[in-house]
Protein backbone atom coordinates (compact mmCIF):
# COMPACT_ATOMS: atom_id res chain seq x y z
CA MET A 1 106.32 34.02 35.94
CA ARG A 2 106.31 33.50 32.17
CA VAL A 3 102.82 32.80 30.85
CA VAL A 4 102.13 31.26 27.44
CA THR A 5 99.06 29.76 25.79
CA TRP A 6 100.34 27.51 23.01
CA PHE A 7 99.53 24.42 25.08
CA PHE A 8 95.82 24.83 24.35
CA GLY A 9 95.97 27.07 21.33
CA LYS A 10 94.50 30.52 20.77
CA SER A 11 92.52 32.48 18.25
CA SER A 12 94.02 34.39 15.35
CA ARG A 13 95.97 37.43 16.44
CA THR A 14 93.73 39.64 14.34
CA ASP A 15 90.58 38.16 15.83
CA ALA A 16 88.50 41.05 17.23
CA ALA A 17 91.63 42.77 18.53
CA GLY A 18 91.22 45.88 16.45
CA ALA A 19 87.47 46.32 16.73
CA PRO A 20 86.38 49.50 18.51
CA ALA A 21 84.85 49.31 21.99
CA HIS A 22 83.22 51.80 24.31
CA GLY A 23 85.18 55.01 24.64
CA GLY A 24 87.13 54.29 21.45
CA ARG A 25 89.26 51.57 23.05
CA ALA A 26 90.29 48.47 21.16
CA ARG A 27 88.71 45.18 22.05
CA ALA A 28 90.75 42.37 23.52
CA GLY A 29 91.29 39.35 21.29
CA ALA A 30 89.39 36.17 22.05
CA THR A 31 90.90 32.86 23.07
CA PHE A 32 89.70 29.26 23.22
CA ALA A 33 88.41 28.82 26.74
CA ALA A 34 89.27 25.58 28.53
CA LYS A 35 87.48 23.45 31.11
CA LEU A 36 89.24 23.44 34.49
CA THR A 37 88.67 20.41 36.74
CA PHE A 38 89.70 19.69 40.32
CA ASP A 39 89.30 16.00 41.14
CA ALA A 40 89.56 15.19 44.89
CA VAL A 41 92.53 17.52 45.31
CA ASP A 42 94.50 17.51 48.58
CA LYS A 43 97.40 19.71 49.68
CA LEU A 44 99.38 19.17 52.88
CA TYR A 45 101.96 21.42 54.51
CA ASP A 46 103.94 19.55 57.19
CA GLU A 47 101.10 17.03 57.46
CA ARG A 48 98.60 19.86 58.00
CA PRO A 49 95.81 19.92 55.38
CA ALA A 50 95.43 23.20 53.49
CA VAL A 51 93.06 21.74 50.86
CA SER A 52 91.09 18.55 51.43
CA ALA A 53 89.17 16.40 48.90
CA PHE A 54 88.34 19.43 46.76
CA SER A 55 86.33 18.63 43.61
CA LEU A 56 84.96 21.25 41.22
CA GLU A 57 84.48 21.59 37.48
CA ILE A 58 84.58 25.03 35.83
CA ALA A 59 83.05 25.14 32.34
CA PRO A 60 84.81 26.81 29.39
CA GLY A 61 84.32 30.57 29.59
CA GLU A 62 82.75 30.41 33.05
CA VAL A 63 83.72 32.82 35.84
CA VAL A 64 83.82 31.14 39.27
CA CYS A 65 84.62 33.05 42.46
CA LEU A 66 86.28 31.21 45.34
CA LEU A 67 84.82 32.73 48.50
CA GLY A 68 85.81 32.17 52.10
CA PRO A 69 87.68 33.62 55.07
CA SER A 70 91.44 34.14 55.14
CA GLY A 71 93.34 30.90 55.56
CA CYS A 72 90.62 28.63 54.18
CA GLY A 73 92.74 27.41 51.23
CA LYS A 74 91.58 29.68 48.39
CA THR A 75 95.00 30.96 47.37
CA THR A 76 96.55 27.50 47.80
CA LEU A 77 93.99 26.11 45.36
CA LEU A 78 94.78 28.86 42.86
CA ARG A 79 98.52 28.14 43.16
CA LEU A 80 97.83 24.45 42.58
CA ALA A 81 95.89 25.28 39.41
CA ALA A 82 98.70 27.55 38.21
CA GLY A 83 101.38 24.93 38.83
CA ILE A 84 103.23 26.94 41.47
CA GLU A 85 102.41 24.18 44.00
CA ARG A 86 102.09 20.43 43.55
CA PRO A 87 99.03 18.66 44.99
CA SER A 88 99.53 16.03 47.67
CA GLY A 89 96.68 14.00 46.23
CA GLY A 90 94.01 14.07 43.54
CA ARG A 91 94.23 15.49 40.03
CA ILE A 92 93.90 18.81 38.19
CA LEU A 93 92.86 18.75 34.54
CA ILE A 94 92.59 21.40 31.84
CA ASN A 95 90.36 20.38 28.94
CA ASP A 96 90.33 16.86 30.40
CA ARG A 97 94.13 16.66 30.12
CA GLU A 98 95.86 16.02 33.43
CA VAL A 99 98.28 18.79 34.37
CA ALA A 100 98.86 17.68 37.97
CA GLY A 101 98.41 14.26 39.50
CA PRO A 102 100.19 11.21 40.86
CA ASP A 103 102.03 10.50 37.60
CA ARG A 104 102.12 13.82 35.79
CA PHE A 105 103.03 17.44 36.45
CA VAL A 106 102.95 20.09 33.73
CA GLN A 107 105.08 23.17 34.39
CA PRO A 108 103.28 26.53 34.85
CA GLU A 109 104.50 27.96 31.55
CA ASP A 110 103.00 25.04 29.65
CA ARG A 111 99.50 25.12 31.17
CA GLY A 112 97.95 27.98 29.21
CA VAL A 113 97.08 29.95 32.33
CA GLY A 114 97.25 33.63 33.21
CA LEU A 115 97.91 34.58 36.82
CA MET A 116 97.23 37.91 38.49
CA PHE A 117 98.50 38.41 42.02
CA GLN A 118 97.02 40.43 44.87
CA ASP A 119 99.95 42.91 44.84
CA PHE A 120 100.05 43.20 41.00
CA ALA A 121 103.80 42.20 41.02
CA LEU A 122 104.86 44.63 38.28
CA PHE A 123 108.56 44.74 37.45
CA PRO A 124 109.84 48.18 38.54
CA HIS A 125 112.87 48.10 36.21
CA LEU A 126 110.75 47.49 33.09
CA SER A 127 108.68 50.07 31.29
CA ILE A 128 104.93 49.63 31.31
CA ILE A 129 104.84 48.27 27.77
CA GLU A 130 107.69 45.89 28.63
CA ASN A 131 105.73 44.69 31.65
CA VAL A 132 102.71 43.92 29.49
CA ALA A 133 104.83 42.23 26.80
CA PHE A 134 106.64 40.06 29.35
CA GLY A 135 104.43 37.04 28.70
CA LEU A 136 104.95 37.22 24.91
CA LYS A 137 108.53 35.94 24.82
CA GLY A 138 107.69 33.61 21.95
CA LEU A 139 106.87 36.49 19.58
CA PRO A 140 109.27 38.72 17.68
CA ARG A 141 110.00 41.86 19.68
CA GLU A 142 108.06 44.29 17.46
CA GLU A 143 105.03 42.02 17.25
CA ALA A 144 105.06 41.61 21.04
CA ARG A 145 105.17 45.40 21.45
CA ARG A 146 102.23 45.82 19.06
CA GLU A 147 100.19 43.28 21.02
CA ALA A 148 101.14 44.92 24.33
CA LEU A 149 100.28 48.40 23.06
CA ARG A 150 96.93 47.15 21.77
CA MET A 151 96.13 45.73 25.21
CA LEU A 152 97.28 48.93 26.94
CA SER A 153 94.89 50.80 24.63
CA ARG A 154 92.11 48.45 25.72
CA VAL A 155 92.66 49.41 29.39
CA GLY A 156 93.14 53.10 28.55
CA LEU A 157 96.84 53.39 29.43
CA GLU A 158 98.61 53.50 26.06
CA ARG A 159 99.90 57.02 26.79
CA TYR A 160 101.99 55.61 29.65
CA ALA A 161 103.60 52.87 27.54
CA GLU A 162 107.17 54.13 27.90
CA GLN A 163 106.84 55.19 31.55
CA TYR A 164 107.60 53.06 34.61
CA PRO A 165 105.16 51.53 37.14
CA HIS A 166 106.09 53.85 40.03
CA ILE A 167 104.36 56.80 38.37
CA LEU A 168 100.99 55.02 38.25
CA SER A 169 98.21 55.03 40.81
CA GLY A 170 97.03 51.79 42.41
CA GLY A 171 94.13 51.49 39.99
CA GLN A 172 96.39 52.09 36.99
CA GLN A 173 98.87 49.48 38.21
CA GLN A 174 95.98 47.05 38.55
CA ARG A 175 95.07 47.70 34.91
CA VAL A 176 98.63 47.08 33.78
CA ALA A 177 98.76 43.81 35.73
CA LEU A 178 95.45 42.78 34.19
CA ALA A 179 96.68 43.66 30.70
CA ARG A 180 99.89 41.64 31.26
CA ALA A 181 97.92 38.59 32.39
CA ILE A 182 95.39 38.79 29.54
CA VAL A 183 97.62 39.67 26.58
CA PRO A 184 98.87 36.08 25.97
CA ARG A 185 95.17 35.13 25.77
CA PRO A 186 95.30 32.36 28.34
CA ALA A 187 92.81 29.54 28.23
CA VAL A 188 92.40 29.86 32.02
CA MET A 189 92.66 33.08 34.03
CA LEU A 190 93.49 32.87 37.76
CA MET A 191 93.15 35.99 39.95
CA ASP A 192 94.14 36.22 43.62
CA GLU A 193 92.10 38.96 45.38
CA PRO A 194 92.96 41.45 42.62
CA PHE A 195 90.91 44.32 44.08
CA SER A 196 91.81 44.08 47.77
CA GLY A 197 94.26 47.00 47.71
CA LEU A 198 91.89 49.50 46.06
CA ASP A 199 89.54 51.98 47.71
CA VAL A 200 85.82 51.29 47.51
CA GLN A 201 84.90 53.53 44.56
CA LEU A 202 87.90 52.46 42.49
CA ARG A 203 87.30 48.82 43.37
CA ASP A 204 83.75 48.94 41.98
CA ALA A 205 84.97 50.52 38.72
CA MET A 206 87.82 48.04 38.32
CA GLN A 207 85.53 45.08 38.96
CA GLU A 208 83.36 46.17 36.04
CA GLU A 209 86.42 46.81 33.86
CA THR A 210 87.93 43.44 34.70
CA LEU A 211 84.71 41.52 34.15
CA GLY A 212 84.25 43.21 30.78
CA LEU A 213 87.76 42.27 29.70
CA ILE A 214 87.35 38.66 30.85
CA GLN A 215 84.10 38.38 28.92
CA GLU A 216 85.74 39.79 25.79
CA THR A 217 88.59 37.29 25.92
CA ARG A 218 86.23 34.46 26.96
CA ALA A 219 88.88 32.99 29.26
CA THR A 220 87.73 30.50 31.87
CA SER A 221 88.30 32.37 35.14
CA MET A 222 88.74 31.60 38.82
CA ILE A 223 88.78 34.66 41.10
CA VAL A 224 89.75 34.43 44.78
CA THR A 225 87.93 36.78 47.15
CA HIS A 226 86.71 37.02 50.74
CA HIS A 227 84.04 39.63 49.92
CA PRO A 228 80.58 38.09 49.29
CA GLU A 229 79.32 41.12 47.36
CA GLU A 230 82.34 41.00 45.06
CA ALA A 231 81.74 37.30 44.44
CA MET A 232 78.07 37.94 43.64
CA ARG A 233 78.98 40.75 41.26
CA LEU A 234 81.67 38.89 39.34
CA GLY A 235 80.90 35.19 39.42
CA ASP A 236 78.64 33.11 37.20
CA ARG A 237 78.92 30.72 40.13
CA ILE A 238 80.38 30.97 43.62
CA ALA A 239 82.32 28.20 45.37
CA VAL A 240 82.35 28.67 49.15
CA MET A 241 85.37 27.24 50.97
CA ARG A 242 86.00 26.60 54.64
CA SER A 243 88.98 24.92 56.29
CA GLY A 244 90.25 23.69 52.93
CA ARG A 245 86.96 22.11 51.88
CA LEU A 246 84.23 23.01 49.43
CA VAL A 247 81.10 23.81 51.44
CA GLN A 248 78.67 24.77 48.67
CA THR A 249 78.71 25.92 45.08
CA GLY A 250 76.03 27.59 42.99
CA ARG A 251 74.69 30.86 41.64
CA ALA A 252 74.50 33.83 43.98
CA GLU A 253 70.71 33.43 44.21
CA ASP A 254 71.05 29.78 45.19
CA LEU A 255 73.55 30.45 47.96
CA TYR A 256 71.53 33.36 49.32
CA ASN A 257 68.13 31.68 49.24
CA ARG A 258 69.19 28.11 49.99
CA PRO A 259 72.42 28.14 52.02
CA ALA A 260 73.62 24.63 52.83
CA ALA A 261 75.05 25.62 56.22
CA LEU A 262 74.86 28.35 58.82
CA PHE A 263 78.36 29.40 57.76
CA VAL A 264 77.09 30.15 54.24
CA ALA A 265 74.01 31.99 55.52
CA ARG A 266 76.23 34.28 57.59
CA LEU A 267 78.35 35.11 54.55
CA PHE A 268 75.49 36.36 52.42
CA SER A 269 73.23 38.22 54.84
CA GLU A 270 73.02 39.74 58.31
CA ILE A 271 71.03 37.35 60.47
CA ASN A 272 69.57 36.96 63.94
CA GLU A 273 70.33 33.57 65.49
CA VAL A 274 67.88 32.05 67.99
CA GLN A 275 68.28 28.68 69.73
CA VAL A 276 65.18 26.47 69.41
CA ARG A 277 64.39 22.79 70.00
CA VAL A 278 63.15 20.36 67.37
CA GLN A 279 59.96 18.43 68.07
CA GLY A 280 58.29 16.23 65.48
CA GLY A 281 60.48 17.52 62.66
CA GLN A 282 59.57 21.14 63.36
CA VAL A 283 60.59 24.03 65.58
CA ALA A 284 58.01 26.15 67.38
CA THR A 285 58.83 29.86 67.26
CA PRO A 286 57.00 33.10 68.11
CA ILE A 287 56.36 33.56 64.38
CA GLY A 288 54.96 30.05 63.84
CA SER A 289 56.21 26.52 63.25
CA LEU A 290 58.95 25.83 60.76
CA ALA A 291 60.20 22.57 59.25
CA ALA A 292 63.56 21.30 60.49
CA PRO A 293 64.44 18.55 57.99
CA GLY A 294 67.35 16.30 58.84
CA ILE A 295 67.63 17.46 62.47
CA ALA A 296 67.09 14.84 65.17
CA ASN A 297 63.97 15.08 67.30
CA GLY A 298 64.66 16.73 70.67
CA SER A 299 67.94 18.30 69.58
CA LEU A 300 68.74 22.00 69.50
CA ALA A 301 68.59 23.96 66.26
CA THR A 302 69.43 27.52 65.21
CA LEU A 303 66.63 29.65 63.83
CA CYS A 304 68.01 32.34 61.50
CA LEU A 305 66.00 35.47 60.72
CA ARG A 306 67.44 37.84 58.16
CA GLU A 307 67.59 41.42 59.40
CA ARG A 308 66.16 42.63 56.08
CA GLY A 309 63.35 40.06 56.26
CA ILE A 310 61.80 41.71 59.32
CA GLY A 311 59.41 44.63 58.94
CA LEU A 312 58.44 47.27 61.49
CA LEU A 313 55.24 49.27 61.67
CA ALA A 314 54.42 51.90 64.26
CA ALA A 315 51.68 50.56 66.58
CA ASN A 316 48.38 52.47 66.66
CA GLY A 317 48.08 52.02 70.39
CA ASN A 318 44.76 50.16 70.65
CA GLY A 319 46.09 46.71 69.72
CA LYS A 320 43.13 46.01 67.43
CA ASP A 321 43.52 44.73 63.86
CA GLU A 322 47.29 44.89 64.10
CA ALA A 323 49.20 42.01 62.57
CA GLY A 324 52.61 40.90 63.82
CA LEU A 325 54.32 40.65 67.19
CA ARG A 326 54.32 43.46 69.69
CA GLY A 327 57.69 45.16 70.02
CA ARG A 328 59.56 48.20 71.24
CA ILE A 329 62.48 50.10 69.70
CA LEU A 330 65.60 49.85 71.89
CA SER A 331 67.95 51.71 69.55
CA ALA A 332 68.16 53.05 66.01
CA LYS A 333 71.30 53.68 63.94
CA PHE A 334 71.28 55.53 60.62
CA LEU A 335 73.47 53.77 57.99
CA GLY A 336 72.92 55.90 54.91
CA ASP A 337 70.60 53.84 52.75
CA ALA A 338 69.28 51.84 55.71
CA VAL A 339 68.40 52.12 59.39
CA ARG A 340 69.43 49.34 61.78
CA TYR A 341 67.16 48.87 64.76
CA GLU A 342 67.47 46.84 67.91
CA VAL A 343 63.97 45.69 68.84
CA ALA A 344 62.54 43.87 71.86
CA ALA A 345 59.98 41.55 70.26
CA GLU A 346 57.22 39.52 71.92
CA GLY A 347 58.24 35.89 72.44
CA PHE A 348 61.98 36.38 71.88
CA ASP A 349 64.35 36.32 74.86
CA ALA A 350 66.96 38.50 73.15
CA PRO A 351 66.44 41.66 71.05
CA LEU A 352 66.19 41.30 67.26
CA ASN A 353 68.26 43.33 64.84
CA VAL A 354 66.22 44.78 61.98
CA ARG A 355 67.33 46.64 58.83
CA THR A 356 64.86 48.80 56.96
CA ALA A 357 65.16 51.24 54.07
CA ALA A 358 66.26 54.69 55.17
CA GLY A 359 63.49 57.06 56.07
CA GLU A 360 62.27 58.88 59.14
CA PRO A 361 63.67 56.65 61.92
CA LEU A 362 61.36 55.25 64.55
CA ALA A 363 62.29 56.78 67.88
CA LYS A 364 63.81 54.86 70.75
CA GLY A 365 61.05 53.55 73.03
CA ARG A 366 58.45 53.58 70.25
CA GLU A 367 55.91 50.74 70.33
CA VAL A 368 55.87 48.82 67.05
CA ARG A 369 54.46 45.74 65.36
CA VAL A 370 57.13 43.28 64.19
CA ARG A 371 56.37 41.33 61.04
CA VAL A 372 58.64 38.46 60.00
CA ASP A 373 58.59 36.98 56.51
CA LEU A 374 58.65 33.19 57.05
CA ALA A 375 60.25 32.78 53.63
CA GLU A 376 63.29 34.62 55.02
CA ALA A 377 63.61 32.23 58.00
CA LEU A 378 66.17 29.39 57.97
CA VAL A 379 66.78 26.49 60.35
CA PHE A 380 70.14 24.75 60.86
CA PRO A 381 71.47 22.20 63.36
CA SER A 382 73.02 23.86 66.41
CA GLY A 383 76.80 23.54 66.23
CA ASP A 384 76.59 23.60 62.40
CA ASP A 385 78.98 26.58 62.42
CA LYS A 386 81.59 24.50 64.25
CA ILE A 387 81.79 21.79 61.58
CA PRO A 388 85.28 21.96 59.96
């Protein structure tokens, strides 16, 4: 796909492009970031909704991660923003100018967007510098090559300029794809699970590299992922999707501490789920009473206890002056920087899972005191996870 940025303009071609960066690399040139708006967007495939009533505004220069399970509509939304798909309803605007709606559809090459696919999609018959320069068709050939070489220098691959993509590793190909998407200095950058094909160590390094480059160019960015940690690392905000709908949006801290639904709570932490009944706006639990706002009196609710919000202390055996619930270790599994316990705890019908910092594990059968931080407890309506 040809990508240009004249639709929204860009900074001078000498703007910051030649300034040194860490490791002696050039810096990427800056662009004029654009606001990206989804206004009640729908997308149907054979009458089946893939995206439903989706509304979200992304501020200029902001990085928003779309998070959710496979098939929830993340990639469809990205394709709608890029212009590869047409919405069935609603509008998409860039800098308050409608690019897709009932009466208007702007072609992808005229939207000022950069698009990076999951599989990188490099052209095998083009050299690496030709791949990077592909989106600069409007420039004279030599100027396009200079811009492409400058961007290759920024990602540390200028020495491979005349080689072909097949000689590169997965991480290097990812850098080339990133350079190709960024070099036209798009007003909006769209990325579809760009790190999914990389191993863990390389993925962490490339996330930092990519975020640094996005921040240098100041492009408004939407990154699709199904990894919560990746979303927390990269996004200024996170938009959680489920079944084509926006469930909750906010900073990582907001979604972790104040999840709007059980589905969101499960995404951001390992939790124990206990069925309880609401009486008088509260639920009575072995750790005390908790508020259950918005849940009908007499109905079932789900009490969620984060595994990392539960503490264990070896019992002294006499039962005196010991805070917490009585418990017994059923199993212990070493996980490197943590130990995951299964604990039978007083008042709970089913064992609790507990994660603690790695240390000398408590032995199976050991009597313990179980301390639960009420601030880590959450209450949701039962069946909340089944809401589409």
